[in-house]
C-alpha atoms as a PDB file:
ATOM      1  CA  MET A   1     -18.502   3.195 -27.080  1.00  0.00           C
ATOM      2  CA  SER A   2     -21.476   1.170 -26.008  1.00  0.00           C
ATOM      3  CA  GLY A   3     -24.920   2.858 -26.348  1.00  0.00           C
ATOM      4  CA  TRP A   4     -23.387   5.701 -28.149  1.00  0.00           C
ATOM      5  CA  SER A   5     -21.441   5.035 -31.559  1.00  0.00           C
ATOM      6  CA  THR A   6     -18.375   3.096 -32.396  1.00  0.00           C
ATOM      7  CA  ILE A   7     -14.871   5.203 -33.328  1.00  0.00           C
ATOM      8  CA  SER A   8     -12.140   2.786 -34.475  1.00  0.00           C
ATOM      9  CA  ARG A   9      -8.583   3.302 -33.563  1.00  0.00           C
ATOM     10  CA  ALA A  10      -7.584   3.740 -37.133  1.00  0.00           C
ATOM     11  CA  THR A  11     -10.386   7.163 -37.145  1.00  0.00           C
ATOM     12  CA  VAL A  12      -8.377   7.780 -34.015  1.00  0.00           C
ATOM     13  CA  TRP A  13      -4.894   7.804 -35.799  1.00  0.00           C
ATOM     14  CA  TRP A  14      -6.169   9.657 -39.041  1.00  0.00           C
ATOM     15  CA  ARG A  15      -8.007  12.771 -36.870  1.00  0.00           C
ATOM     16  CA  ARG A  16      -4.322  13.173 -35.437  1.00  0.00           C
ATOM     17  CA  TRP A  17      -5.262  13.144 -31.419  1.00  0.00           C
ATOM     18  CA  CYS A  18      -2.076  11.680 -30.799  1.00  0.00           C
ATOM     19  CA  VAL A  19      -0.603  13.054 -27.761  1.00  0.00           C
ATOM     20  CA  ARG A  20       2.958  11.785 -25.683  1.00  0.00           C
ATOM     21  CA  VAL A  21       2.829  11.664 -22.666  1.00  0.00           C
ATOM     22  CA  ILE A  22       5.408  11.148 -19.820  1.00  0.00           C
ATOM     23  CA  GLY A  23       4.395   9.436 -16.289  1.00  0.00           C
ATOM     24  CA  ALA A  24       3.901   6.615 -14.183  1.00  0.00           C
ATOM     25  CA  PRO A  25       0.540   4.987 -12.796  1.00  0.00           C
ATOM     26  CA  SER A  26       0.759   4.424  -9.280  1.00  0.00           C
ATOM     27  CA  CYS A  27      -1.050   1.139  -7.133  1.00  0.00           C
ATOM     28  CA  CYS A  28      -4.294   2.369  -4.916  1.00  0.00           C
ATOM     29  CA  ALA A  29      -2.277   0.843  -1.549  1.00  0.00           C
ATOM     30  CA  CYS A  30       1.075   1.746  -1.230  1.00  0.00           C
ATOM     31  CA  GLU A  31       4.067   1.750  -2.208  1.00  0.00           C
ATOM     32  CA  ARG A  32       5.617  -0.550   0.241  1.00  0.00           C
ATOM     33  CA  SER A  33       2.634  -2.900   0.041  1.00  0.00           C
ATOM     34  CA  PRO A  34       1.894  -3.040  -4.075  1.00  0.00           C
ATOM     35  CA  VAL A  35      -1.688  -4.553  -4.466  1.00  0.00           C
ATOM     36  CA  ARG A  36      -2.162  -5.225  -7.950  1.00  0.00           C
ATOM     37  CA  SER A  37      -5.677  -6.502  -9.715  1.00  0.00           C
ATOM     38  CA  PRO A  38      -5.832  -8.556 -13.176  1.00  0.00           C
ATOM     39  CA  GLY A  39      -7.037  -5.081 -15.045  1.00  0.00           C
ATOM     40  CA  SER A  40      -5.254  -2.644 -13.036  1.00  0.00           C
ATOM     41  CA  THR A  41      -2.005  -0.786 -14.406  1.00  0.00           C
ATOM     42  CA  GLY A  42       1.308  -2.782 -14.192  1.00  0.00           C
ATOM     43  CA  ASP A  43       5.118  -1.087 -14.635  1.00  0.00           C
ATOM     44  CA  LEU A  44       4.196   1.459 -17.426  1.00  0.00           C
ATOM     45  CA  ASP A  45       7.170   4.253 -16.900  1.00  0.00           C
ATOM     46  CA  GLY A  46       8.270   5.822 -20.430  1.00  0.00           C
ATOM     47  CA  THR A  47       7.140   7.674 -23.704  1.00  0.00           C
ATOM     48  CA  VAL A  48       4.143   6.599 -24.791  1.00  0.00           C
ATOM     49  CA  VAL A  49       1.673   7.527 -27.445  1.00  0.00           C
ATOM     50  CA  TRP A  50      -2.147   7.983 -27.038  1.00  0.00           C
ATOM     51  CA  ALA A  51      -5.399   9.804 -28.039  1.00  0.00           C
ATOM     52  CA  ARG A  52      -6.852  12.181 -25.598  1.00  0.00           C
ATOM     53  CA  LEU A  53      -9.980   9.769 -24.038  1.00  0.00           C
ATOM     54  CA  ALA A  54     -12.137  13.798 -24.001  1.00  0.00           C
ATOM     55  CA  ASP A  55     -11.813  13.567 -27.580  1.00  0.00           C
ATOM     56  CA  VAL A  56     -13.011  10.201 -28.491  1.00  0.00           C
ATOM     57  CA  LEU A  57     -16.011  11.064 -26.717  1.00  0.00           C
ATOM     58  CA  GLY A  58     -16.319  14.116 -28.421  1.00  0.00           C
ATOM     59  CA  ALA A  59     -16.555  12.335 -31.745  1.00  0.00           C
ATOM     60  CA  ALA A  60     -19.325  10.294 -30.452  1.00  0.00           C
ATOM     61  CA  ARG A  61     -21.056  13.392 -29.267  1.00  0.00           C
ATOM     62  CA  THR A  62     -21.452  12.119 -25.563  1.00  0.00           C
ATOM     63  CA  HIS A  63     -23.592  14.328 -23.491  1.00  0.00           C
ATOM     64  CA  VAL A  64     -21.855  15.944 -20.505  1.00  0.00           C
ATOM     65  CA  GLU A  65     -23.490  16.441 -17.160  1.00  0.00           C
ATOM     66  CA  ASP A  66     -22.999  15.710 -13.444  1.00  0.00           C
ATOM     67  CA  GLY A  67     -23.099  12.062 -11.969  1.00  0.00           C
ATOM     68  CA  LEU A  68     -22.139  10.263 -15.164  1.00  0.00           C
ATOM     69  CA  HIS A  69     -19.535   7.914 -15.414  1.00  0.00           C
ATOM     70  CA  VAL A  70     -17.264   6.626 -17.925  1.00  0.00           C
ATOM     71  CA  ALA A  71     -16.961   2.388 -17.868  1.00  0.00           C
ATOM     72  CA  PHE A  72     -14.289   0.382 -19.253  1.00  0.00           C
ATOM     73  CA  ASP A  73     -14.567  -3.566 -19.536  1.00  0.00           C
ATOM     74  CA  ALA A  74     -11.949  -5.965 -20.207  1.00  0.00           C
ATOM     75  CA  PRO A  75     -11.455  -9.493 -21.179  1.00  0.00           C
ATOM     76  CA  ASP A  76      -9.709 -11.106 -18.818  1.00  0.00           C
ATOM     77  CA  VAL A  77     -11.884 -12.988 -16.278  1.00  0.00           C
ATOM     78  CA  ALA A  78     -11.052 -12.538 -12.817  1.00  0.00           C
ATOM     79  CA  PRO A  79     -11.452 -15.884 -10.544  1.00  0.00           C
ATOM     80  CA  GLU A  80     -11.355 -13.705  -7.445  1.00  0.00           C
ATOM     81  CA  ALA A  81     -14.272 -11.929  -8.154  1.00  0.00           C
ATOM     82  CA  ARG A  82     -17.801 -12.696  -6.900  1.00  0.00           C
ATOM     83  CA  PRO A  83     -19.354 -13.985  -9.112  1.00  0.00           C
ATOM     84  CA  VAL A  84     -16.760 -14.670 -11.306  1.00  0.00           C
ATOM     85  CA  GLN A  85     -16.513 -12.310 -14.287  1.00  0.00           C
ATOM     86  CA  THR A  86     -14.262  -9.838 -16.018  1.00  0.00           C
ATOM     87  CA  TYR A  87     -12.386  -6.590 -15.010  1.00  0.00           C
ATOM     88  CA  GLY A  88     -13.692  -3.405 -15.209  1.00  0.00           C
ATOM     89  CA  GLY A  89     -14.087  -0.471 -13.819  1.00  0.00           C
ATOM     90  CA  SER A  90     -15.264   3.972 -14.148  1.00  0.00           C
ATOM     91  CA  ILE A  91     -14.346   7.160 -13.543  1.00  0.00           C
ATOM     92  CA  PRO A  92     -16.480  10.083 -13.357  1.00  0.00           C
ATOM     93  CA  LEU A  93     -17.018  11.648 -17.153  1.00  0.00           C
ATOM     94  CA  ARG A  94     -15.619  15.304 -15.325  1.00  0.00           C
ATOM     95  CA  LYS A  95     -12.128  13.088 -15.206  1.00  0.00           C
ATOM     96  CA  ALA A  96     -12.816  11.355 -18.504  1.00  0.00           C
ATOM     97  CA  MET A  97     -13.003  14.985 -20.064  1.00  0.00           C
ATOM     98  CA  SER A  98      -9.986  16.225 -18.378  1.00  0.00           C
ATOM     99  CA  GLN A  99      -7.086  16.276 -21.149  1.00  0.00           C
ATOM    100  CA  GLU A 100      -4.615  13.774 -19.377  1.00  0.00           C
ATOM    101  CA  VAL A 101      -6.975  10.905 -19.661  1.00  0.00           C
ATOM    102  CA  LEU A 102      -5.815   8.973 -22.350  1.00  0.00           C
ATOM    103  CA  LEU A 103      -6.232   5.454 -24.820  1.00  0.00           C
ATOM    104  CA  ALA A 104      -2.568   4.284 -25.195  1.00  0.00           C
ATOM    105  CA  TRP A 105      -1.521   1.878 -27.855  1.00  0.00           C
ATOM    106  CA  GLN A 106       2.454   2.667 -28.022  1.00  0.00           C
ATOM    107  CA  MET A 107       5.164   2.698 -25.469  1.00  0.00           C
ATOM    108  CA  ASN A 108       8.765   4.200 -26.797  1.00  0.00           C
ATOM    109  CA  SER A 109       7.715   3.590 -30.172  1.00  0.00           C
ATOM    110  CA  GLU A 110       7.189   0.545 -30.474  1.00  0.00           C
ATOM    111  CA  PRO A 111       3.200  -1.158 -30.269  1.00  0.00           C
ATOM    112  CA  LEU A 112       2.007  -1.314 -26.666  1.00  0.00           C
ATOM    113  CA  PRO A 113       2.531  -5.270 -25.768  1.00  0.00           C
ATOM    114  CA  PRO A 114       0.011  -7.038 -24.019  1.00  0.00           C
ATOM    115  CA  ALA A 115       1.784  -6.951 -20.442  1.00  0.00           C
ATOM    116  CA  HIS A 116       1.153  -3.291 -20.434  1.00  0.00           C
ATOM    117  CA  GLY A 117      -2.303  -3.305 -21.731  1.00  0.00           C
ATOM    118  CA  GLY A 118      -2.323  -3.610 -25.357  1.00  0.00           C
ATOM    119  CA  PRO A 119      -3.243  -3.372 -27.902  1.00  0.00           C
ATOM    120  CA  VAL A 120      -5.347  -0.353 -26.335  1.00  0.00           C
ATOM    121  CA  ARG A 121      -5.559   0.500 -22.314  1.00  0.00           C
ATOM    122  CA  VAL A 122      -7.092   4.052 -20.522  1.00  0.00           C
ATOM    123  CA  VAL A 123      -4.869   5.150 -18.584  1.00  0.00           C
ATOM    124  CA  VAL A 124      -5.972   7.796 -15.955  1.00  0.00           C
ATOM    125  CA  PRO A 125      -3.289   9.998 -14.323  1.00  0.00           C
ATOM    126  CA  GLY A 126      -3.366  11.077 -10.510  1.00  0.00           C
ATOM    127  CA  TYR A 127      -6.098   7.856 -10.348  1.00  0.00           C
ATOM    128  CA  ILE A 128      -5.373   4.674  -8.760  1.00  0.00           C
ATOM    129  CA  GLY A 129      -3.802   2.142 -10.712  1.00  0.00           C
ATOM    130  CA  ALA A 130      -7.045   0.233 -11.089  1.00  0.00           C
ATOM    131  CA  ARG A 131      -8.521   2.961 -13.127  1.00  0.00           C
ATOM    132  CA  SER A 132      -6.223   2.185 -15.462  1.00  0.00           C
ATOM    133  CA  VAL A 133      -8.009  -0.678 -17.152  1.00  0.00           C
ATOM    134  CA  LYS A 134      -5.954  -2.912 -19.465  1.00  0.00           C
ATOM    135  CA  TRP A 135      -7.057  -4.666 -22.699  1.00  0.00           C
ATOM    136  CA  VAL A 136      -9.742  -2.208 -22.979  1.00  0.00           C
ATOM    137  CA  SER A 137     -12.507  -3.657 -24.847  1.00  0.00           C
ATOM    138  CA  ALA A 138     -15.572  -1.261 -24.297  1.00  0.00           C
ATOM    139  CA  ILE A 139     -15.901   1.956 -23.256  1.00  0.00           C
ATOM    140  CA  THR A 140     -19.690   3.408 -21.990  1.00  0.00           C
ATOM    141  CA  VAL A 141     -21.058   6.135 -20.149  1.00  0.00           C
ATOM    142  CA  GLN A 142     -23.477   5.297 -17.782  1.00  0.00           C
ATOM    143  CA  PRO A 143     -25.165   7.218 -14.706  1.00  0.00           C
ATOM    144  CA  GLY A 144     -23.189   6.250 -12.219  1.00  0.00           C
ATOM    145  CA  PRO A 145     -19.868   4.444 -11.107  1.00  0.00           C
ATOM    146  CA  SER A 146     -19.308   1.124 -12.621  1.00  0.00           C
ATOM    147  CA  GLU A 147     -20.919  -2.070 -11.124  1.00  0.00           C
ATOM    148  CA  ASN A 148     -18.406  -4.635 -11.626  1.00  0.00           C
ATOM    149  CA  TYR A 149     -16.594  -6.489  -8.723  1.00  0.00           C
ATOM    150  CA  PHE A 150     -13.299  -4.141  -8.668  1.00  0.00           C
ATOM    151  CA  GLN A 151     -15.206  -1.081  -8.275  1.00  0.00           C
ATOM    152  CA  ALA A 152     -18.885  -1.914  -6.519  1.00  0.00           C
ATOM    153  CA  TYR A 153     -16.740  -4.705  -3.865  1.00  0.00           C
ATOM    154  CA  ASP A 154     -13.221  -4.587  -4.034  1.00  0.00           C
ATOM    155  CA  TYR A 155     -10.683  -1.107  -3.994  1.00  0.00           C
ATOM    156  CA  ARG A 156     -12.692   0.073  -1.224  1.00  0.00           C
ATOM    157  CA  ILE A 157     -12.105   1.262   2.123  1.00  0.00           C
ATOM    158  CA  LEU A 158     -14.405  -0.259   4.801  1.00  0.00           C
ATOM    159  CA  PRO A 159     -14.894   0.746   7.712  1.00  0.00           C
ATOM    160  CA  PRO A 160     -12.457  -1.374  10.464  1.00  0.00           C
ATOM    161  CA  ASP A 161     -15.072  -3.538  11.469  1.00  0.00           C
ATOM    162  CA  ALA A 162     -16.078  -4.498   8.823  1.00  0.00           C
ATOM    163  CA  ASP A 163     -15.975  -8.081   6.679  1.00  0.00           C
ATOM    164  CA  PRO A 164     -14.490  -8.141   3.359  1.00  0.00           C
ATOM    165  CA  ALA A 165     -16.223 -11.280   2.466  1.00  0.00           C
ATOM    166  CA  THR A 166     -20.047 -10.357   3.666  1.00  0.00           C
ATOM    167  CA  ALA A 167     -19.998  -6.458   2.575  1.00  0.00           C
ATOM    168  CA  ALA A 168     -22.529  -5.295   0.240  1.00  0.00           C
ATOM    169  CA  ALA A 169     -22.082  -3.396  -3.089  1.00  0.00           C
ATOM    170  CA  GLY A 170     -21.243   0.209  -2.486  1.00  0.00           C
ATOM    171  CA  GLU A 171     -20.316  -0.092   0.933  1.00  0.00           C
ATOM    172  CA  GLY A 172     -17.384   2.020   2.234  1.00  0.00           C
ATOM    173  CA  ILE A 173     -15.680   4.677   0.200  1.00  0.00           C
ATOM    174  CA  SER A 174     -14.405   3.999  -3.786  1.00  0.00           C
ATOM    175  CA  LEU A 175     -10.726   4.891  -4.164  1.00  0.00           C
ATOM    176  CA  SER A 176      -9.829   7.324  -7.043  1.00  0.00           C
ATOM    177  CA  THR A 177      -7.509   9.773  -6.451  1.00  0.00           C
ATOM    178  CA  LEU A 178      -4.173   9.182  -5.772  1.00  0.00           C
ATOM    179  CA  ALA A 179      -3.275  10.065  -1.235  1.00  0.00           C
ATOM    180  CA  LEU A 180      -0.002  12.490  -0.893  1.00  0.00           C
ATOM    181  CA  ASN A 181       2.794   9.702  -0.654  1.00  0.00           C
ATOM    182  CA  CYS A 182       6.405   9.805  -0.284  1.00  0.00           C
ATOM    183  CA  ASP A 183       9.310   7.044  -0.161  1.00  0.00           C
ATOM    184  CA  ILE A 184      12.301   6.375   0.687  1.00  0.00           C
ATOM    185  CA  LEU A 185      14.832   4.558  -1.949  1.00  0.00           C
ATOM    186  CA  HIS A 186      18.230   4.517  -1.130  1.00  0.00           C
ATOM    187  CA  PRO A 187      19.134   3.261   1.235  1.00  0.00           C
ATOM    188  CA  VAL A 188      16.603   0.604   1.807  1.00  0.00           C
ATOM    189  CA  ASP A 189      15.991  -1.427   5.286  1.00  0.00           C
ATOM    190  CA  GLY A 190      18.422  -3.197   6.714  1.00  0.00           C
ATOM    191  CA  ASP A 191      21.109  -1.538   4.550  1.00  0.00           C
ATOM    192  CA  VAL A 192      24.885  -1.021   5.428  1.00  0.00           C
ATOM    193  CA  VAL A 193      26.298   1.956   4.555  1.00  0.00           C
ATOM    194  CA  ALA A 194      29.467   3.925   4.785  1.00  0.00           C
ATOM    195  CA  ALA A 195      30.275   6.371   7.936  1.00  0.00           C
ATOM    196  CA  GLY A 196      30.657  10.218   6.455  1.00  0.00           C
ATOM    197  CA  ALA A 197      28.350  11.697   3.863  1.00  0.00           C
ATOM    198  CA  LEU A 198      25.401   9.509   2.847  1.00  0.00           C
ATOM    199  CA  THR A 199      23.153  10.511   0.032  1.00  0.00           C
ATOM    200  CA  ILE A 200      19.407   9.598   0.664  1.00  0.00           C
ATOM    201  CA  ARG A 201      16.972   9.395  -2.216  1.00  0.00           C
ATOM    202  CA  GLY A 202      13.335   8.936  -2.878  1.00  0.00           C
ATOM    203  CA  TYR A 203      10.461   9.757  -4.572  1.00  0.00           C
ATOM    204  CA  GLY A 204       7.104  11.866  -3.768  1.00  0.00           C
ATOM    205  CA  ILE A 205       3.416  11.879  -5.432  1.00  0.00           C
ATOM    206  CA  ALA A 206       0.531  14.282  -4.868  1.00  0.00           C
ATOM    207  CA  GLY A 207      -2.795  13.421  -5.678  1.00  0.00           C
ATOM    208  CA  ASP A 208      -5.270  13.900  -8.791  1.00  0.00           C
ATOM    209  CA  GLY A 209      -4.092  17.939  -9.659  1.00  0.00           C
ATOM    210  CA  HIS A 210      -1.703  18.860  -6.938  1.00  0.00           C
ATOM    211  CA  ARG A 211       2.036  18.679  -7.059  1.00  0.00           C
ATOM    212  CA  VAL A 212       4.264  17.824  -4.246  1.00  0.00           C
ATOM    213  CA  ALA A 213       5.865  21.091  -2.760  1.00  0.00           C
ATOM    214  CA  ARG A 214       8.554  19.835   0.332  1.00  0.00           C
ATOM    215  CA  ILE A 215       9.839  16.507   1.131  1.00  0.00           C
ATOM    216  CA  ASP A 216      11.236  16.581   4.976  1.00  0.00           C
ATOM    217  CA  ILE A 217      13.246  13.914   6.309  1.00  0.00           C
ATOM    218  CA  SER A 218      14.406  13.194   9.958  1.00  0.00           C
ATOM    219  CA  LEU A 219      17.446  11.404  11.545  1.00  0.00           C
ATOM    220  CA  ASP A 220      15.846  11.351  14.681  1.00  0.00           C
ATOM    221  CA  HIS A 221      12.391   9.563  14.794  1.00  0.00           C
ATOM    222  CA  GLY A 222      10.947  12.822  14.059  1.00  0.00           C
ATOM    223  CA  HIS A 223      12.193  14.945  16.295  1.00  0.00           C
ATOM    224  CA  THR A 224      13.550  17.447  14.207  1.00  0.00           C
ATOM    225  CA  TRP A 225      13.623  17.830  10.433  1.00  0.00           C
ATOM    226  CA  ARG A 226      15.368  18.923   7.782  1.00  0.00           C
ATOM    227  CA  GLN A 227      14.070  19.483   3.872  1.00  0.00           C
ATOM    228  CA  ALA A 228      15.139  17.699   1.072  1.00  0.00           C
ATOM    229  CA  GLU A 229      15.947  18.830  -2.437  1.00  0.00           C
ATOM    230  CA  LEU A 230      13.668  18.538  -5.118  1.00  0.00           C
ATOM    231  CA  HIS A 231      14.308  17.627  -8.465  1.00  0.00           C
ATOM    232  CA  PRO A 232      11.812  18.440 -11.714  1.00  0.00           C
ATOM    233  CA  ALA A 233       9.674  15.627 -12.147  1.00  0.00           C
ATOM    234  CA  PRO A 234       9.894  14.151 -15.797  1.00  0.00           C
ATOM    235  CA  GLY A 235       6.393  15.226 -16.036  1.00  0.00           C
ATOM    236  CA  THR A 236       3.458  16.993 -14.611  1.00  0.00           C
ATOM    237  CA  TRP A 237       1.654  13.191 -13.199  1.00  0.00           C
ATOM    238  CA  SER A 238       5.250  11.702 -12.629  1.00  0.00           C
ATOM    239  CA  TRP A 239       7.092  10.728  -9.111  1.00  0.00           C
ATOM    240  CA  ARG A 240       9.213  13.745  -8.213  1.00  0.00           C
ATOM    241  CA  PRO A 241      12.680  12.315  -6.870  1.00  0.00           C
ATOM    242  CA  TRP A 242      14.461  14.140  -4.292  1.00  0.00           C
ATOM    243  CA  SER A 243      17.549  13.931  -2.650  1.00  0.00           C
ATOM    244  CA  SER A 244      19.251  14.768   0.815  1.00  0.00           C
ATOM    245  CA  ILE A 245      23.219  14.801   1.623  1.00  0.00           C
ATOM    246  CA  VAL A 246      23.847  14.086   5.646  1.00  0.00           C
ATOM    247  CA  ASP A 247      26.623  12.987   7.246  1.00  0.00           C
ATOM    248  CA  VAL A 248      26.371   9.649   9.572  1.00  0.00           C
ATOM    249  CA  GLU A 249      28.434   8.055  12.391  1.00  0.00           C
ATOM    250  CA  PRO A 250      28.620   4.490  13.116  1.00  0.00           C
ATOM    251  CA  GLY A 251      25.693   2.939  15.033  1.00  0.00           C
ATOM    252  CA  ARG A 252      22.164   2.596  14.224  1.00  0.00           C
ATOM    253  CA  LEU A 253      20.936   4.656  11.732  1.00  0.00           C
ATOM    254  CA  HIS A 254      16.717   5.412  11.612  1.00  0.00           C
ATOM    255  CA  ILE A 255      15.188   7.624   8.492  1.00  0.00           C
ATOM    256  CA  THR A 256      12.221   9.382   8.040  1.00  0.00           C
ATOM    257  CA  ALA A 257      10.205  11.293   4.944  1.00  0.00           C
ATOM    258  CA  ARG A 258       7.196  13.002   4.739  1.00  0.00           C
ATOM    259  CA  ALA A 259       5.732  14.845   2.101  1.00  0.00           C
ATOM    260  CA  TRP A 260       3.830  18.224   1.804  1.00  0.00           C
ATOM    261  CA  ASP A 261       1.526  19.105  -0.817  1.00  0.00           C
ATOM    262  CA  ASP A 262       0.990  22.784  -2.781  1.00  0.00           C
ATOM    263  CA  THR A 263      -2.155  23.537  -0.766  1.00  0.00           C
ATOM    264  CA  GLY A 264      -0.317  22.791   3.027  1.00  0.00           C
ATOM    265  CA  THR A 265      -1.673  19.337   3.308  1.00  0.00           C
ATOM    266  CA  LEU A 266       1.060  17.022   5.421  1.00  0.00           C
ATOM    267  CA  GLN A 267       1.493  13.341   4.421  1.00  0.00           C
ATOM    268  CA  PRO A 268      -0.312  11.497   7.504  1.00  0.00           C
ATOM    269  CA  GLN A 269       2.215  10.320   9.927  1.00  0.00           C
ATOM    270  CA  SER A 270       1.001   6.911  11.185  1.00  0.00           C
ATOM    271  CA  ALA A 271      -0.290   3.644   9.334  1.00  0.00           C
ATOM    272  CA  ALA A 272      -2.040   2.327  12.413  1.00  0.00           C
ATOM    273  CA  SER A 273      -4.995   5.735  12.287  1.00  0.00           C
ATOM    274  CA  LEU A 274      -5.350   4.577   8.504  1.00  0.00           C
ATOM    275  CA  TRP A 275      -6.277   1.059   8.757  1.00  0.00           C
ATOM    276  CA  ASN A 276      -9.094  -0.412   6.942  1.00  0.00           C
ATOM    277  CA  PRO A 277      -9.464  -4.459   6.302  1.00  0.00           C
ATOM    278  CA  GLY A 278      -8.674  -4.132   2.556  1.00  0.00           C
ATOM    279  CA  GLY A 279      -4.820  -2.453   3.391  1.00  0.00           C
ATOM    280  CA  TYR A 280      -5.726   0.419   1.167  1.00  0.00           C
ATOM    281  CA  GLY A 281      -4.479   3.727   1.560  1.00  0.00           C
ATOM    282  CA  ASN A 282      -1.176   3.216   3.252  1.00  0.00           C
ATOM    283  CA  ASN A 283       0.665   6.353   2.755  1.00  0.00           C
ATOM    284  CA  GLY A 284       1.878   6.913   6.328  1.00  0.00           C
ATOM    285  CA  TRP A 285       5.508   8.421   6.733  1.00  0.00           C
ATOM    286  CA  ALA A 286       7.907   6.365   4.976  1.00  0.00           C
ATOM    287  CA  SER A 287      10.729   5.125   7.205  1.00  0.00           C
ATOM    288  CA  VAL A 288      14.124   2.753   7.034  1.00  0.00           C
ATOM    289  CA  ALA A 289      16.234   1.562   9.807  1.00  0.00           C
ATOM    290  CA  CYS A 290      20.076   0.635   8.501  1.00  0.00           C
ATOM    291  CA  ALA A 291      23.450   0.281  10.094  1.00  0.00           C
ATOM    292  CA  VAL A 292      26.811   2.535   9.640  1.00  0.00           C
ATOM    293  CA  ARG A 293      30.170   1.043   9.774  1.00  0.00           C
END
């Protein structure tokens, strides 16, 4: 860790900081319009072997105080950055010291493949995928957020009238924790389904440190609602599955779903009210239209 001390992966292993966690990182935009960066997470859902970042930082005698960030560097060059640079990002030290933030090198009992960020990557549950940097080459504790392009300029919610091409570093709101969200996985938009009993399936996910407490579905454009059945999530930081069995008749079918978290917060209704030049944070209610025959 730059400016502090160096700890090898072998040291991490022999100190037996290894833990196993099931989780699924999420993109920063919305599940219906995924956006990925060169250093952000790809598909990573399984049983993985990690070391807690807090243990590594503790072994490096990290001084904990408000305002500090932990920055991660990666070797992949991003030609879309201004200027061209390698990928990087940071998270607050208070988040880095929490038990769920991990350094990973195995998945499903195999070395973490390069496509998933191997040999070592960071995983930050509850935060946008762009902060779960792949191919980590350096970890630095520093006074403030990363000045890397992908944190200072990109992955930011800009004002509606801002121009991303000319926005100054630090303008807007930096994306961090996940927004409360849900989606409908079955049926999908445009499907043709049989009349009678229809099982609607989907998932929900809540922000950092919260859980999905309820999923509502509507078959009449939100005029009336019914609660879906929530199923156990594979892990604390995983998507929570839900389902609902409804009777449908021949004709057009429109399904809407919305999520509530354990604080009583309701997922926002309209994507239009969330519009921003980067298209980030689109967590409006999920909906699909299909035909019943």
